[in-house]
Amino acid sequence: MTHRAISEDYPLILASASPRRRDLLNQLGLSFTALRSEIEEGDVSGTPEEVACSLARKKALRVHEMGAEGWVLGADTIVVVDHRTLGKPSDEEDARRMLRALEGREHRVITGFSVVSPEGREVHGEAVTTRVSIKPLNEEEITGYVNTGEPMGKAGGYAIQGIGAFMVEGIRGSYTNVVGLPVCEVIKAFKKAGVLETFPLDSEH
């Protein structure tokens, strides 16, 4: 079945409340609406890549089931160090614990994304991995960063696009993947699936 491409009068639906993902889609000039998907994340097992893809798919399908009409994009980002998955800090002490686990070493940031068609079928699912190196941190730096409030609500307890950039010595792979959405891979998937006819969009779109 052929579906129309997204446009101003037929926007993409982002199955996420993440302001970082909204910012990235705005940066690309894409028309979209954002809907939060209320799903249970604790009942998913598998490798980190499988978990990220499964959660992204569940988010996208849930938003479709909520009555969204059009293409749906779901995404989920997780941080992995020493085969341990770090989610979002539950409190300030949890954020400190995460930063101590990350400092002075390299970790993986994995974002899974899922593209669901207007009739509710996943047409693309993929996990993208970026390796991030964090500099050694002392307790003063850790406490000072936690006190900014930025680590809360962020997978792994830091934001590469914010104050947390001071910790990042280097990355191997997609920068936007660490922010929350691997833009290059998403656009390639959109063009292949028919979500976009062409990209970049011209002024008439």
Protein backbone atom coordinates (compact mmCIF):
# COMPACT_ATOMS: atom_id res chain seq x y z
CA MET A 1 0.00 0.00 0.00
CA THR A 2 1.31 3.42 -0.95
CA HIS A 3 0.92 6.27 1.52
CA ARG A 4 1.38 9.97 1.04
CA ALA A 5 4.59 11.54 2.28
CA ILE A 6 4.57 13.83 5.30
CA SER A 7 3.87 17.52 4.71
CA GLU A 8 2.49 20.53 6.57
CA ASP A 9 -1.06 19.19 6.24
CA TYR A 10 0.01 15.57 6.83
CA PRO A 11 2.60 15.77 9.62
CA LEU A 12 4.74 13.04 11.12
CA ILE A 13 3.70 11.88 14.59
CA LEU A 14 6.59 11.67 17.06
CA ALA A 15 5.82 9.11 19.78
CA SER A 16 7.86 10.95 22.38
CA ALA A 17 7.68 13.86 24.79
CA SER A 18 11.46 14.41 24.57
CA PRO A 19 12.32 18.06 23.91
CA ARG A 20 15.66 16.94 22.42
CA ARG A 21 13.95 14.84 19.77
CA ARG A 22 11.52 17.66 19.02
CA ASP A 23 14.45 20.05 18.61
CA LEU A 24 16.18 17.70 16.17
CA LEU A 25 13.06 17.33 14.00
CA ASN A 26 12.53 21.10 14.05
CA GLN A 27 16.16 21.53 13.00
CA LEU A 28 15.44 19.34 9.97
CA GLY A 29 12.42 21.43 9.01
CA LEU A 30 9.98 18.53 9.27
CA SER A 31 6.30 19.03 10.06
CA PHE A 32 5.32 16.90 13.06
CA THR A 33 3.19 16.59 16.15
CA ALA A 34 4.38 14.96 19.37
CA LEU A 35 2.35 12.54 21.49
CA ARG A 36 3.58 10.88 24.67
CA SER A 37 3.23 7.09 24.64
CA GLU A 38 2.47 5.63 28.04
CA ILE A 39 4.09 2.20 27.98
CA GLU A 40 5.60 -0.13 30.55
CA GLU A 41 9.35 -0.34 29.97
CA GLY A 42 10.23 -2.99 32.54
CA ASP A 43 8.97 -6.08 30.71
CA VAL A 44 11.44 -6.01 27.80
CA SER A 45 14.46 -8.34 27.66
CA GLY A 46 17.28 -9.03 25.23
CA THR A 47 20.48 -7.32 24.18
CA PRO A 48 20.64 -3.52 24.64
CA GLU A 49 20.03 -3.11 20.91
CA GLU A 50 17.01 -5.41 21.03
CA VAL A 51 15.62 -3.62 24.08
CA ALA A 52 16.00 -0.18 22.49
CA CYS A 53 14.32 -1.34 19.27
CA SER A 54 11.52 -3.13 21.14
CA LEU A 55 10.74 -0.07 23.28
CA ALA A 56 10.82 2.20 20.23
CA ARG A 57 8.39 -0.12 18.43
CA LYS A 58 6.08 -0.31 21.46
CA LYS A 59 6.00 3.48 21.71
CA ALA A 60 5.19 3.94 18.03
CA LEU A 61 2.51 1.25 17.97
CA ARG A 62 0.97 2.58 21.17
CA VAL A 63 0.61 6.06 19.70
CA HIS A 64 -0.91 4.57 16.56
CA GLU A 65 -3.41 2.67 18.74
CA MET A 66 -4.28 5.96 20.47
CA GLY A 67 -5.79 7.10 17.18
CA ALA A 68 -2.87 8.90 15.55
CA GLU A 69 -3.39 9.16 11.79
CA GLY A 70 -0.22 9.17 9.73
CA TRP A 71 3.37 8.01 9.93
CA VAL A 72 4.64 7.44 13.47
CA LEU A 73 8.25 7.60 14.71
CA GLY A 74 9.17 5.98 18.02
CA ALA A 75 12.59 6.10 19.66
CA ASP A 76 14.31 4.96 22.84
CA THR A 77 17.83 5.79 24.03
CA ILE A 78 19.82 3.77 26.55
CA VAL A 79 23.35 4.04 27.94
CA VAL A 80 25.47 0.93 28.49
CA VAL A 81 28.68 0.61 30.51
CA ASP A 82 30.25 -2.69 31.60
CA HIS A 83 27.20 -4.52 30.19
CA ARG A 84 25.02 -2.52 32.60
CA THR A 85 22.20 -0.40 31.28
CA LEU A 86 21.83 3.06 32.78
CA GLY A 87 18.39 4.61 32.52
CA LYS A 88 17.30 7.99 33.82
CA PRO A 89 18.43 8.85 37.36
CA SER A 90 15.77 8.31 40.02
CA ASP A 91 17.26 11.04 42.23
CA GLU A 92 20.42 13.11 42.70
CA GLU A 93 22.35 10.31 44.40
CA ASP A 94 21.49 7.98 41.54
CA ALA A 95 22.79 10.61 39.10
CA ARG A 96 26.07 10.79 41.04
CA ARG A 97 26.36 7.01 40.93
CA MET A 98 25.89 7.02 37.15
CA LEU A 99 28.48 9.74 36.60
CA ARG A 100 31.00 7.86 38.75
CA ALA A 101 30.39 4.78 36.58
CA LEU A 102 30.95 6.75 33.36
CA GLU A 103 33.89 8.98 34.27
CA GLY A 104 37.32 8.25 32.87
CA ARG A 105 36.15 5.69 30.33
CA GLU A 106 34.15 4.94 27.20
CA HIS A 107 30.50 3.87 27.14
CA ARG A 108 27.88 3.11 24.49
CA VAL A 109 24.80 5.16 23.72
CA ILE A 110 22.21 3.11 21.82
CA THR A 111 19.12 4.62 20.23
CA GLY A 112 16.53 2.34 18.72
CA PHE A 113 13.97 3.85 16.39
CA SER A 114 10.85 2.49 14.75
CA VAL A 115 8.87 3.77 11.77
CA VAL A 116 5.20 2.71 11.74
CA SER A 117 3.00 3.18 8.69
CA PRO A 118 -0.43 4.84 8.77
CA GLU A 119 -2.15 1.43 8.87
CA GLY A 120 -0.09 0.42 11.94
CA ARG A 121 2.68 -1.75 10.53
CA GLU A 122 6.35 -1.33 11.43
CA VAL A 123 8.18 -0.69 8.16
CA HIS A 124 11.62 0.00 9.63
CA GLY A 125 13.37 -0.74 12.92
CA GLU A 126 17.01 -0.07 13.70
CA ALA A 127 19.44 0.47 16.57
CA VAL A 128 22.34 2.89 16.21
CA THR A 129 25.33 2.86 18.56
CA THR A 130 27.71 5.70 19.41
CA ARG A 131 30.73 5.36 21.67
CA VAL A 132 31.32 8.27 24.03
CA SER A 133 34.46 8.93 26.11
CA ILE A 134 34.03 10.82 29.40
CA LYS A 135 37.00 12.52 31.04
CA PRO A 136 38.02 11.72 34.62
CA LEU A 137 35.78 13.63 37.02
CA ASN A 138 36.39 14.63 40.63
CA GLU A 139 33.66 14.78 43.26
CA GLU A 140 33.43 18.57 43.02
CA GLU A 141 32.67 18.34 39.29
CA ILE A 142 30.16 15.54 39.79
CA THR A 143 28.33 17.37 42.58
CA GLY A 144 28.42 20.66 40.71
CA TYR A 145 26.95 19.09 37.59
CA VAL A 146 24.24 17.25 39.50
CA ASN A 147 23.34 20.52 41.25
CA THR A 148 22.56 22.10 37.86
CA GLY A 149 19.63 19.71 37.59
CA GLU A 150 20.58 18.78 34.04
CA PRO A 151 21.23 15.05 34.68
CA MET A 152 17.63 14.42 35.72
CA GLY A 153 15.50 12.93 32.97
CA LYS A 154 18.55 12.04 30.86
CA ALA A 155 19.63 8.48 30.10
CA GLY A 156 23.01 7.96 31.75
CA GLY A 157 22.64 11.14 33.77
CA TYR A 158 24.13 13.67 31.34
CA ALA A 159 23.26 15.81 28.32
CA ILE A 160 25.92 16.05 25.60
CA GLN A 161 24.13 19.05 24.05
CA GLY A 162 24.09 20.96 27.35
CA ILE A 163 26.41 21.67 30.26
CA GLY A 164 27.40 18.02 30.17
CA ALA A 165 29.49 18.71 27.07
CA PHE A 166 32.35 19.71 29.41
CA MET A 167 32.81 16.03 30.29
CA VAL A 168 32.93 14.60 26.77
CA GLU A 169 36.46 13.97 25.51
CA GLY A 170 35.37 12.36 22.26
CA ILE A 171 32.73 10.40 20.40
CA ARG A 172 32.84 7.66 17.78
CA GLY A 173 29.70 7.67 15.69
CA SER A 174 26.60 9.83 15.40
CA TYR A 175 26.45 12.89 17.65
CA THR A 176 22.68 13.32 17.21
CA ASN A 177 22.26 9.69 18.29
CA VAL A 178 23.59 10.69 21.71
CA VAL A 179 21.18 13.62 21.81
CA GLY A 180 18.32 11.19 21.21
CA LEU A 181 17.80 10.54 17.50
CA PRO A 182 20.27 9.33 14.83
CA VAL A 183 19.28 11.89 12.20
CA CYS A 184 21.26 10.45 9.27
CA GLU A 185 19.84 6.95 9.70
CA VAL A 186 16.30 8.23 10.34
CA ILE A 187 16.25 10.31 7.14
CA LYS A 188 17.57 7.34 5.13
CA ALA A 189 14.81 5.15 6.60
CA PHE A 190 12.18 7.83 5.90
CA LYS A 191 13.17 8.07 2.23
CA LYS A 192 13.25 4.29 1.81
CA ALA A 193 9.83 3.83 3.45
CA GLY A 194 8.14 6.71 1.64
CA VAL A 195 7.74 8.94 4.69
CA LEU A 196 9.68 11.53 2.69
CA GLU A 197 9.78 11.78 -1.08
CA THR A 198 12.97 13.83 -1.02
CA PHE A 199 15.26 15.58 1.45
CA PRO A 200 16.19 18.34 2.15
CA LEU A 201 12.71 19.78 1.66
CA ASP A 202 12.35 22.80 -0.57
CA SER A 203 10.53 25.96 0.51
CA GLU A 204 7.27 24.78 -1.05
CA HIS A 205 7.09 21.93 1.48
